C-alpha atoms as a PDB file:
ATOM      1  CA  UNK A   1      81.764   8.821 216.772  1.00  0.00           C
ATOM      2  CA  UNK A   2      80.127   5.738 215.260  1.00  0.00           C
ATOM      3  CA  UNK A   3      79.621   2.289 216.791  1.00  0.00           C
ATOM      4  CA  UNK A   4      82.507   0.730 214.836  1.00  0.00           C
ATOM      5  CA  UNK A   5      85.040   3.246 216.135  1.00  0.00           C
ATOM      6  CA  UNK A   6      83.745   2.896 219.682  1.00  0.00           C
ATOM      7  CA  UNK A   7      83.885  -0.916 219.559  1.00  0.00           C
ATOM      8  CA  UNK A   8      87.471  -0.694 218.322  1.00  0.00           C
ATOM      9  CA  UNK A   9      88.415   1.616 221.227  1.00  0.00           C
ATOM     10  CA  UNK A  10      86.765  -0.750 223.718  1.00  0.00           C
ATOM     11  CA  UNK A  11      89.198  -3.464 222.594  1.00  0.00           C
ATOM     12  CA  UNK A  12      92.187  -1.119 222.089  1.00  0.00           C
ATOM     13  CA  UNK A  13      91.813   1.897 224.404  1.00  0.00           C
ATOM     14  CA  UNK A  14      95.523   2.706 223.989  1.00  0.00           C
ATOM     15  CA  UNK A  15      94.860   3.568 220.314  1.00  0.00           C
ATOM     16  CA  UNK A  16      92.624   6.558 221.075  1.00  0.00           C
ATOM     17  CA  UNK A  17      93.742   9.848 219.547  1.00  0.00           C
ATOM     18  CA  UNK A  18      92.954  13.495 220.247  1.00  0.00           C
ATOM     19  CA  UNK A  19      89.934  13.867 217.936  1.00  0.00           C
ATOM     20  CA  UNK A  20      88.310  10.728 219.343  1.00  0.00           C
ATOM     21  CA  UNK A  21      88.835  12.032 222.877  1.00  0.00           C
ATOM     22  CA  UNK A  22      87.046  15.257 221.935  1.00  0.00           C
ATOM     23  CA  UNK A  23      84.227  13.241 220.333  1.00  0.00           C
ATOM     24  CA  UNK A  24      83.798  11.235 223.551  1.00  0.00           C
ATOM     25  CA  UNK A  25      83.553  14.473 225.520  1.00  0.00           C
ATOM     26  CA  UNK A  26      80.483  15.405 223.454  1.00  0.00           C
ATOM     27  CA  UNK A  27      78.996  11.938 223.979  1.00  0.00           C
ATOM     28  CA  UNK A  28      79.470  12.224 227.745  1.00  0.00           C
ATOM     29  CA  UNK A  29      77.780  15.614 227.765  1.00  0.00           C
ATOM     30  CA  UNK A  30      74.607  13.884 226.581  1.00  0.00           C
ATOM     31  CA  UNK A  31      75.117  10.603 228.461  1.00  0.00           C
ATOM     32  CA  UNK A  32      77.037  11.400 231.693  1.00  0.00           C
ATOM     33  CA  UNK A  33      76.555   7.888 233.155  1.00  0.00           C
ATOM     34  CA  UNK A  34      78.212   6.152 230.189  1.00  0.00           C
ATOM     35  CA  UNK A  35      80.964   4.601 232.335  1.00  0.00           C
ATOM     36  CA  UNK A  36      82.965   2.797 229.649  1.00  0.00           C
ATOM     37  CA  UNK A  37      83.076   5.976 227.559  1.00  0.00           C
ATOM     38  CA  UNK A  38      84.415   7.876 230.574  1.00  0.00           C
ATOM     39  CA  UNK A  39      87.143   5.298 231.073  1.00  0.00           C
ATOM     40  CA  UNK A  40      88.233   5.493 227.418  1.00  0.00           C
ATOM     41  CA  UNK A  41      88.144   9.312 227.464  1.00  0.00           C
ATOM     42  CA  UNK A  42      90.361   9.182 230.550  1.00  0.00           C
ATOM     43  CA  UNK A  43      92.879   7.104 228.600  1.00  0.00           C
ATOM     44  CA  UNK A  44      92.793   9.643 225.769  1.00  0.00           C
ATOM     45  CA  UNK A  45      93.538  12.526 228.140  1.00  0.00           C
ATOM     46  CA  UNK A  46      96.359  10.498 229.692  1.00  0.00           C
ATOM     47  CA  UNK A  47      97.926   9.868 226.285  1.00  0.00           C
ATOM     48  CA  UNK A  48      97.849  13.616 225.565  1.00  0.00           C
ATOM     49  CA  UNK A  49      99.348  14.477 228.956  1.00  0.00           C
ATOM     50  CA  UNK A  50      96.331  16.782 229.247  1.00  0.00           C
ATOM     51  CA  UNK A  51      95.784  19.193 232.130  1.00  0.00           C
ATOM     52  CA  UNK A  52      92.142  17.994 232.084  1.00  0.00           C
ATOM     53  CA  UNK A  53      93.113  14.476 233.160  1.00  0.00           C
ATOM     54  CA  UNK A  54      93.284  14.970 236.941  1.00  0.00           C
ATOM     55  CA  UNK A  55      89.865  16.623 237.127  1.00  0.00           C
ATOM     56  CA  UNK A  56      88.406  14.030 234.744  1.00  0.00           C
ATOM     57  CA  UNK A  57      89.704  11.274 237.032  1.00  0.00           C
ATOM     58  CA  UNK A  58      87.656  12.657 239.928  1.00  0.00           C
ATOM     59  CA  UNK A  59      84.546  12.973 237.760  1.00  0.00           C
ATOM     60  CA  UNK A  60      84.971   9.430 236.432  1.00  0.00           C
ATOM     61  CA  UNK A  61      85.338   8.139 240.000  1.00  0.00           C
ATOM     62  CA  UNK A  62      82.131   9.949 240.980  1.00  0.00           C
ATOM     63  CA  UNK A  63      80.213   8.210 238.183  1.00  0.00           C
ATOM     64  CA  UNK A  64      81.809   4.783 238.791  1.00  0.00           C
ATOM     65  CA  UNK A  65      79.832   2.114 240.610  1.00  0.00           C
ATOM     66  CA  UNK A  66      83.017   0.427 241.818  1.00  0.00           C
ATOM     67  CA  UNK A  67      86.095   2.635 242.222  1.00  0.00           C
ATOM     68  CA  UNK A  68      88.343  -0.392 242.710  1.00  0.00           C
ATOM     69  CA  UNK A  69      87.648  -1.347 239.075  1.00  0.00           C
ATOM     70  CA  UNK A  70      88.619   2.172 237.982  1.00  0.00           C
ATOM     71  CA  UNK A  71      91.811   1.989 240.066  1.00  0.00           C
ATOM     72  CA  UNK A  72      92.743  -1.364 238.503  1.00  0.00           C
ATOM     73  CA  UNK A  73      92.183   0.147 235.051  1.00  0.00           C
ATOM     74  CA  UNK A  74      94.323   3.281 235.497  1.00  0.00           C
ATOM     75  CA  UNK A  75      97.175   1.219 236.992  1.00  0.00           C
ATOM     76  CA  UNK A  76      97.045  -1.501 234.330  1.00  0.00           C
ATOM     77  CA  UNK A  77      99.687  -1.976 231.640  1.00  0.00           C
ATOM     78  CA  UNK A  78      97.038  -1.262 228.985  1.00  0.00           C
ATOM     79  CA  UNK A  79      96.368   2.181 230.441  1.00  0.00           C
ATOM     80  CA  UNK A  80      99.966   3.249 231.055  1.00  0.00           C
ATOM     81  CA  UNK A  81     101.358   1.919 227.756  1.00  0.00           C
ATOM     82  CA  UNK A  82     101.511   3.786 224.458  1.00  0.00           C
ATOM     83  CA  UNK A  83      99.986   2.419 221.265  1.00  0.00           C
ATOM     84  CA  UNK A  84     102.682   1.479 218.730  1.00  0.00           C
ATOM     85  CA  UNK A  85     101.566   4.028 216.110  1.00  0.00           C
ATOM     86  CA  UNK A  86     101.543   6.815 218.699  1.00  0.00           C
ATOM     87  CA  UNK A  87     104.885   5.592 220.017  1.00  0.00           C
ATOM     88  CA  UNK A  88     106.473   5.709 216.553  1.00  0.00           C
ATOM     89  CA  UNK A  89     105.065   9.182 215.828  1.00  0.00           C
ATOM     90  CA  UNK A  90     106.295  10.627 219.137  1.00  0.00           C
ATOM     91  CA  UNK A  91     109.680   8.977 218.682  1.00  0.00           C
ATOM     92  CA  UNK A  92     110.077  10.741 215.347  1.00  0.00           C
ATOM     93  CA  UNK A  93     108.976  14.059 216.858  1.00  0.00           C
ATOM     94  CA  UNK A  94     111.610  13.793 219.585  1.00  0.00           C
ATOM     95  CA  UNK A  95     114.322  12.909 217.068  1.00  0.00           C
ATOM     96  CA  UNK A  96     113.293  15.895 214.896  1.00  0.00           C
ATOM     97  CA  UNK A  97     113.642  18.439 217.719  1.00  0.00           C
ATOM     98  CA  UNK A  98     116.147  21.116 216.797  1.00  0.00           C
ATOM     99  CA  UNK A  99     118.719  21.682 219.512  1.00  0.00           C
ATOM    100  CA  UNK A 100     120.953  24.765 219.426  1.00  0.00           C
ATOM    101  CA  UNK A 101     124.645  24.416 220.395  1.00  0.00           C
ATOM    102  CA  UNK A 102     124.288  20.692 220.931  1.00  0.00           C
ATOM    103  CA  UNK A 103     127.144  18.221 221.077  1.00  0.00           C
ATOM    104  CA  UNK A 104     127.593  15.843 218.135  1.00  0.00           C
ATOM    105  CA  UNK A 105     126.398  12.374 219.014  1.00  0.00           C
ATOM    106  CA  UNK A 106     128.140   9.408 217.425  1.00  0.00           C
ATOM    107  CA  UNK A 107     125.847   7.156 215.387  1.00  0.00           C
ATOM    108  CA  UNK A 108     126.920   4.074 217.342  1.00  0.00           C
ATOM    109  CA  UNK A 109     125.777   5.693 220.594  1.00  0.00           C
ATOM    110  CA  UNK A 110     122.356   6.394 219.037  1.00  0.00           C
ATOM    111  CA  UNK A 111     122.108   2.768 217.976  1.00  0.00           C
ATOM    112  CA  UNK A 112     122.817   1.575 221.510  1.00  0.00           C
ATOM    113  CA  UNK A 113     119.964   3.687 222.932  1.00  0.00           C
ATOM    114  CA  UNK A 114     117.471   1.327 224.554  1.00  0.00           C
ATOM    115  CA  UNK A 115     113.805   1.469 223.600  1.00  0.00           C
ATOM    116  CA  UNK A 116     112.608   1.595 227.203  1.00  0.00           C
ATOM    117  CA  UNK A 117     114.547   4.824 227.700  1.00  0.00           C
ATOM    118  CA  UNK A 118     112.922   6.278 224.603  1.00  0.00           C
ATOM    119  CA  UNK A 119     109.449   5.218 225.697  1.00  0.00           C
ATOM    120  CA  UNK A 120     109.959   6.787 229.123  1.00  0.00           C
ATOM    121  CA  UNK A 121     111.058   9.972 227.400  1.00  0.00           C
ATOM    122  CA  UNK A 122     107.900   9.939 225.289  1.00  0.00           C
ATOM    123  CA  UNK A 123     105.657   9.374 228.301  1.00  0.00           C
ATOM    124  CA  UNK A 124     107.114  12.327 230.151  1.00  0.00           C
ATOM    125  CA  UNK A 125     107.398  14.724 227.236  1.00  0.00           C
ATOM    126  CA  UNK A 126     104.203  14.277 225.161  1.00  0.00           C
ATOM    127  CA  UNK A 127     102.674  17.650 224.393  1.00  0.00           C
ATOM    128  CA  UNK A 128     105.711  19.383 225.890  1.00  0.00           C
ATOM    129  CA  UNK A 129     108.242  18.979 223.066  1.00  0.00           C
ATOM    130  CA  UNK A 130     108.886  22.190 221.117  1.00  0.00           C
ATOM    131  CA  UNK A 131     111.269  22.955 218.207  1.00  0.00           C
ATOM    132  CA  UNK A 132     113.521  25.100 220.390  1.00  0.00           C
ATOM    133  CA  UNK A 133     114.011  24.362 224.070  1.00  0.00           C
ATOM    134  CA  UNK A 134     112.922  26.995 226.571  1.00  0.00           C
ATOM    135  CA  UNK A 135     115.372  29.116 228.448  1.00  0.00           C
ATOM    136  CA  UNK A 136     115.787  28.070 232.090  1.00  0.00           C
ATOM    137  CA  UNK A 137     114.737  31.473 233.393  1.00  0.00           C
ATOM    138  CA  UNK A 138     111.463  31.322 231.430  1.00  0.00           C
ATOM    139  CA  UNK A 139     110.236  28.165 233.168  1.00  0.00           C
ATOM    140  CA  UNK A 140     107.698  28.967 235.868  1.00  0.00           C
ATOM    141  CA  UNK A 141     107.499  27.290 239.273  1.00  0.00           C
ATOM    142  CA  UNK A 142     104.253  25.588 238.222  1.00  0.00           C
ATOM    143  CA  UNK A 143     106.005  24.052 235.197  1.00  0.00           C
ATOM    144  CA  UNK A 144     108.948  22.894 237.293  1.00  0.00           C
ATOM    145  CA  UNK A 145     106.564  21.213 239.729  1.00  0.00           C
ATOM    146  CA  UNK A 146     104.587  19.704 236.809  1.00  0.00           C
ATOM    147  CA  UNK A 147     101.333  21.044 238.235  1.00  0.00           C
ATOM    148  CA  UNK A 148      98.365  19.978 236.143  1.00  0.00           C
ATOM    149  CA  UNK A 149     100.081  17.015 234.477  1.00  0.00           C
ATOM    150  CA  UNK A 150      98.435  13.597 234.927  1.00  0.00           C
ATOM    151  CA  UNK A 151      98.977  11.844 238.254  1.00  0.00           C
ATOM    152  CA  UNK A 152     100.503   8.370 237.847  1.00  0.00           C
ATOM    153  CA  UNK A 153      99.254   5.872 240.429  1.00  0.00           C
ATOM    154  CA  UNK A 154     100.825   2.446 240.875  1.00  0.00           C
ATOM    155  CA  UNK A 155      98.998  -0.654 242.088  1.00  0.00           C
ATOM    156  CA  UNK A 156     100.444  -0.129 245.585  1.00  0.00           C
ATOM    157  CA  UNK A 157      99.105   3.433 245.871  1.00  0.00           C
ATOM    158  CA  UNK A 158      95.461   2.945 246.778  1.00  0.00           C
ATOM    159  CA  UNK A 159      95.959   5.341 249.706  1.00  0.00           C
ATOM    160  CA  UNK A 160      97.226   8.059 247.348  1.00  0.00           C
ATOM    161  CA  UNK A 161      94.287   7.429 245.011  1.00  0.00           C
ATOM    162  CA  UNK A 162      91.775   7.796 247.864  1.00  0.00           C
ATOM    163  CA  UNK A 163      93.498  10.996 249.026  1.00  0.00           C
ATOM    164  CA  UNK A 164      93.163  12.459 245.524  1.00  0.00           C
ATOM    165  CA  UNK A 165      89.439  11.725 245.401  1.00  0.00           C
ATOM    166  CA  UNK A 166      88.849  13.716 248.578  1.00  0.00           C
ATOM    167  CA  UNK A 167      87.688  17.304 248.251  1.00  0.00           C
ATOM    168  CA  UNK A 168      90.551  19.713 248.750  1.00  0.00           C
ATOM    169  CA  UNK A 169      88.300  22.214 250.499  1.00  0.00           C
ATOM    170  CA  UNK A 170      84.695  22.631 251.531  1.00  0.00           C
ATOM    171  CA  UNK A 171      82.491  25.556 250.620  1.00  0.00           C
ATOM    172  CA  UNK A 172      79.595  26.805 252.775  1.00  0.00           C
ATOM    173  CA  UNK A 173      76.114  26.028 251.454  1.00  0.00           C
ATOM    174  CA  UNK A 174      74.148  29.189 250.700  1.00  0.00           C
ATOM    175  CA  UNK A 175      70.399  28.636 250.543  1.00  0.00           C
ATOM    176  CA  UNK A 176      68.049  31.034 248.800  1.00  0.00           C
ATOM    177  CA  UNK A 177      65.637  31.177 251.729  1.00  0.00           C
ATOM    178  CA  UNK A 178      68.445  31.803 254.191  1.00  0.00           C
ATOM    179  CA  UNK A 179      67.957  34.952 256.241  1.00  0.00           C
ATOM    180  CA  UNK A 180      70.400  37.747 255.278  1.00  0.00           C
ATOM    181  CA  UNK A 181      72.921  38.775 257.936  1.00  0.00           C
ATOM    182  CA  UNK A 182      71.993  42.457 257.818  1.00  0.00           C
ATOM    183  CA  UNK A 183      68.350  41.879 258.742  1.00  0.00           C
ATOM    184  CA  UNK A 184      67.366  42.595 262.379  1.00  0.00           C
ATOM    185  CA  UNK A 185      67.173  39.598 264.709  1.00  0.00           C
ATOM    186  CA  UNK A 186      63.669  38.357 265.429  1.00  0.00           C
ATOM    187  CA  UNK A 187      62.025  39.590 268.645  1.00  0.00           C
ATOM    188  CA  UNK A 188      61.932  36.925 271.375  1.00  0.00           C
ATOM    189  CA  UNK A 189      59.194  37.061 273.983  1.00  0.00           C
ATOM    190  CA  UNK A 190      60.049  37.352 277.688  1.00  0.00           C
ATOM    191  CA  UNK A 191      59.236  33.721 278.523  1.00  0.00           C
ATOM    192  CA  UNK A 192      61.517  32.352 275.792  1.00  0.00           C
ATOM    193  CA  UNK A 193      64.297  34.767 276.723  1.00  0.00           C
ATOM    194  CA  UNK A 194      64.148  33.600 280.344  1.00  0.00           C
ATOM    195  CA  UNK A 195      64.530  29.961 279.298  1.00  0.00           C
ATOM    196  CA  UNK A 196      67.497  30.812 277.062  1.00  0.00           C
ATOM    197  CA  UNK A 197      69.172  32.699 279.913  1.00  0.00           C
ATOM    198  CA  UNK A 198      68.708  29.689 282.220  1.00  0.00           C
ATOM    199  CA  UNK A 199      70.290  27.371 279.650  1.00  0.00           C
ATOM    200  CA  UNK A 200      73.245  29.745 279.139  1.00  0.00           C
ATOM    201  CA  UNK A 201      73.745  30.022 282.896  1.00  0.00           C
ATOM    202  CA  UNK A 202      73.686  26.240 283.295  1.00  0.00           C
ATOM    203  CA  UNK A 203      76.315  25.838 280.557  1.00  0.00           C
ATOM    204  CA  UNK A 204      78.588  28.403 282.218  1.00  0.00           C
ATOM    205  CA  UNK A 205      78.321  27.074 285.792  1.00  0.00           C
ATOM    206  CA  UNK A 206      78.003  23.333 285.196  1.00  0.00           C
ATOM    207  CA  UNK A 207      81.100  21.230 285.860  1.00  0.00           C
ATOM    208  CA  UNK A 208      83.067  20.388 282.695  1.00  0.00           C
ATOM    209  CA  UNK A 209      84.160  16.861 281.913  1.00  0.00           C
ATOM    210  CA  UNK A 210      87.918  16.660 282.201  1.00  0.00           C
ATOM    211  CA  UNK A 211      89.704  14.885 279.342  1.00  0.00           C
ATOM    212  CA  UNK A 212      91.045  11.402 279.922  1.00  0.00           C
ATOM    213  CA  UNK A 213      94.808  11.590 280.395  1.00  0.00           C
ATOM    214  CA  UNK A 214      95.460   7.963 279.548  1.00  0.00           C
ATOM    215  CA  UNK A 215      94.483   6.256 276.322  1.00  0.00           C
ATOM    216  CA  UNK A 216      93.737   7.590 272.860  1.00  0.00           C
ATOM    217  CA  UNK A 217      93.450  11.395 272.460  1.00  0.00           C
ATOM    218  CA  UNK A 218      90.024  12.809 271.647  1.00  0.00           C
ATOM    219  CA  UNK A 219      91.012  14.137 268.214  1.00  0.00           C
ATOM    220  CA  UNK A 220      92.626  11.939 265.607  1.00  0.00           C
ATOM    221  CA  UNK A 221      94.808  13.590 262.995  1.00  0.00           C
ATOM    222  CA  UNK A 222      96.889  12.197 260.153  1.00  0.00           C
ATOM    223  CA  UNK A 223     100.486  12.653 261.271  1.00  0.00           C
ATOM    224  CA  UNK A 224     102.744  12.516 258.232  1.00  0.00           C
ATOM    225  CA  UNK A 225     105.803  11.984 260.415  1.00  0.00           C
ATOM    226  CA  UNK A 226     104.434   8.885 262.156  1.00  0.00           C
ATOM    227  CA  UNK A 227     106.245   5.681 261.253  1.00  0.00           C
ATOM    228  CA  UNK A 228     103.151   3.828 260.061  1.00  0.00           C
ATOM    229  CA  UNK A 229     102.032   6.733 257.859  1.00  0.00           C
ATOM    230  CA  UNK A 230     105.525   7.393 256.522  1.00  0.00           C
ATOM    231  CA  UNK A 231     105.497   3.960 254.907  1.00  0.00           C
ATOM    232  CA  UNK A 232     102.541   5.117 252.784  1.00  0.00           C
ATOM    233  CA  UNK A 233     104.382   8.166 251.486  1.00  0.00           C
ATOM    234  CA  UNK A 234     105.153   8.210 247.766  1.00  0.00           C
ATOM    235  CA  UNK A 235     106.059  10.841 245.212  1.00  0.00           C
ATOM    236  CA  UNK A 236     102.542  10.559 243.805  1.00  0.00           C
ATOM    237  CA  UNK A 237     100.998  11.316 247.192  1.00  0.00           C
ATOM    238  CA  UNK A 238     103.269  14.352 247.530  1.00  0.00           C
ATOM    239  CA  UNK A 239     102.010  15.520 244.125  1.00  0.00           C
ATOM    240  CA  UNK A 240      98.414  14.880 245.219  1.00  0.00           C
ATOM    241  CA  UNK A 241      98.872  17.295 248.148  1.00  0.00           C
ATOM    242  CA  UNK A 242     100.450  19.799 245.770  1.00  0.00           C
ATOM    243  CA  UNK A 243      97.575  19.564 243.270  1.00  0.00           C
ATOM    244  CA  UNK A 244      95.120  20.058 246.150  1.00  0.00           C
ATOM    245  CA  UNK A 245      97.089  23.181 247.179  1.00  0.00           C
ATOM    246  CA  UNK A 246      97.924  21.628 250.553  1.00  0.00           C
ATOM    247  CA  UNK A 247     101.382  23.129 250.406  1.00  0.00           C
ATOM    248  CA  UNK A 248     102.443  22.408 253.989  1.00  0.00           C
ATOM    249  CA  UNK A 249     101.494  18.743 253.638  1.00  0.00           C
ATOM    250  CA  UNK A 250     103.364  18.589 250.338  1.00  0.00           C
ATOM    251  CA  UNK A 251     106.490  20.006 251.999  1.00  0.00           C
ATOM    252  CA  UNK A 252     106.229  17.474 254.838  1.00  0.00           C
ATOM    253  CA  UNK A 253     105.735  14.716 252.265  1.00  0.00           C
ATOM    254  CA  UNK A 254     108.941  15.595 250.419  1.00  0.00           C
ATOM    255  CA  UNK A 255     110.829  15.827 253.732  1.00  0.00           C
ATOM    256  CA  UNK A 256     109.774  12.241 254.442  1.00  0.00           C
ATOM    257  CA  UNK A 257     110.816  11.192 250.928  1.00  0.00           C
ATOM    258  CA  UNK A 258     114.279  12.672 251.536  1.00  0.00           C
ATOM    259  CA  UNK A 259     114.678  10.278 254.470  1.00  0.00           C
ATOM    260  CA  UNK A 260     113.245   7.330 252.531  1.00  0.00           C
ATOM    261  CA  UNK A 261     115.257   7.913 249.361  1.00  0.00           C
ATOM    262  CA  UNK A 262     118.484   9.790 250.273  1.00  0.00           C
ATOM    263  CA  UNK A 263     119.835   9.233 246.752  1.00  0.00           C
ATOM    264  CA  UNK A 264     117.147  11.661 245.483  1.00  0.00           C
ATOM    265  CA  UNK A 265     117.496  14.153 248.341  1.00  0.00           C
ATOM    266  CA  UNK A 266     118.729  16.920 246.032  1.00  0.00           C
ATOM    267  CA  UNK A 267     115.701  16.537 243.754  1.00  0.00           C
ATOM    268  CA  UNK A 268     113.240  16.546 246.669  1.00  0.00           C
ATOM    269  CA  UNK A 269     114.991  19.526 248.275  1.00  0.00           C
ATOM    270  CA  UNK A 270     114.507  21.489 245.047  1.00  0.00           C
ATOM    271  CA  UNK A 271     110.829  20.520 245.100  1.00  0.00           C
ATOM    272  CA  UNK A 272     110.487  21.871 248.653  1.00  0.00           C
ATOM    273  CA  UNK A 273     112.126  25.155 247.628  1.00  0.00           C
ATOM    274  CA  UNK A 274     109.768  25.519 244.642  1.00  0.00           C
ATOM    275  CA  UNK A 275     106.702  24.746 246.774  1.00  0.00           C
ATOM    276  CA  UNK A 276     107.694  27.405 249.307  1.00  0.00           C
ATOM    277  CA  UNK A 277     107.993  29.931 246.458  1.00  0.00           C
ATOM    278  CA  UNK A 278     104.582  28.877 245.143  1.00  0.00           C
ATOM    279  CA  UNK A 279     103.087  29.070 248.640  1.00  0.00           C
ATOM    280  CA  UNK A 280     104.476  32.583 249.112  1.00  0.00           C
ATOM    281  CA  UNK A 281     103.120  33.713 245.738  1.00  0.00           C
ATOM    282  CA  UNK A 282      99.623  32.431 246.540  1.00  0.00           C
ATOM    283  CA  UNK A 283      99.430  34.059 249.987  1.00  0.00           C
END
């Protein structure tokens, strides 16, 4: 990628195409702290509906000096919109899809189709449109749940964004100089052993501090069912839990969404059923 192309993408990040996204990946391999290049690459992955987007978002956040700037960028109209040339190309691809046993659509009805409906269709179906639609029984649970597709955050979803940036799980640190478990325990002299026994005895016999019965409990946990936390629940946050493989939290999230949006209760109920199937398969 030359300077002219990069300068053009700085001014029009929505115009980035697949080859330019791949070129930026090579640039970032050599210059990992090139923050503007990371932001533009993120836009390219978003345009492609790439499975790499969600992981790239975490990496970009790790290299960003100010994550609030990154959040403003990924929720901006520039980021979520489609460049006109890409829009026109995807519109033609959708219209060229061959559908078997389809109903004949009157030309007047096609003419009355609104552009915002078409754009929404493009946003949700980029890289998924195929000449012949898949059979229902061939669609996996992961595909139905849209696992791996880019997470869409709105400006009101800073909580969901912060949840996504958290590590889904922690791994123990294994040091090279760490003593193997199968080696015999070191020999302790009699004087040290006596002191250890005195400490153990004190711990066993000393009076324990009883917990305070009034006031705030000692452990604080995020209760999804609490009223104040329920107001933060969104479909994106439910997807965040799903992407992090926190299946129980994802189920609770969709249960809250059923109460918040009863008109979509059937859709959310299907999501819960699919998550339970996925959870069972991964156990």
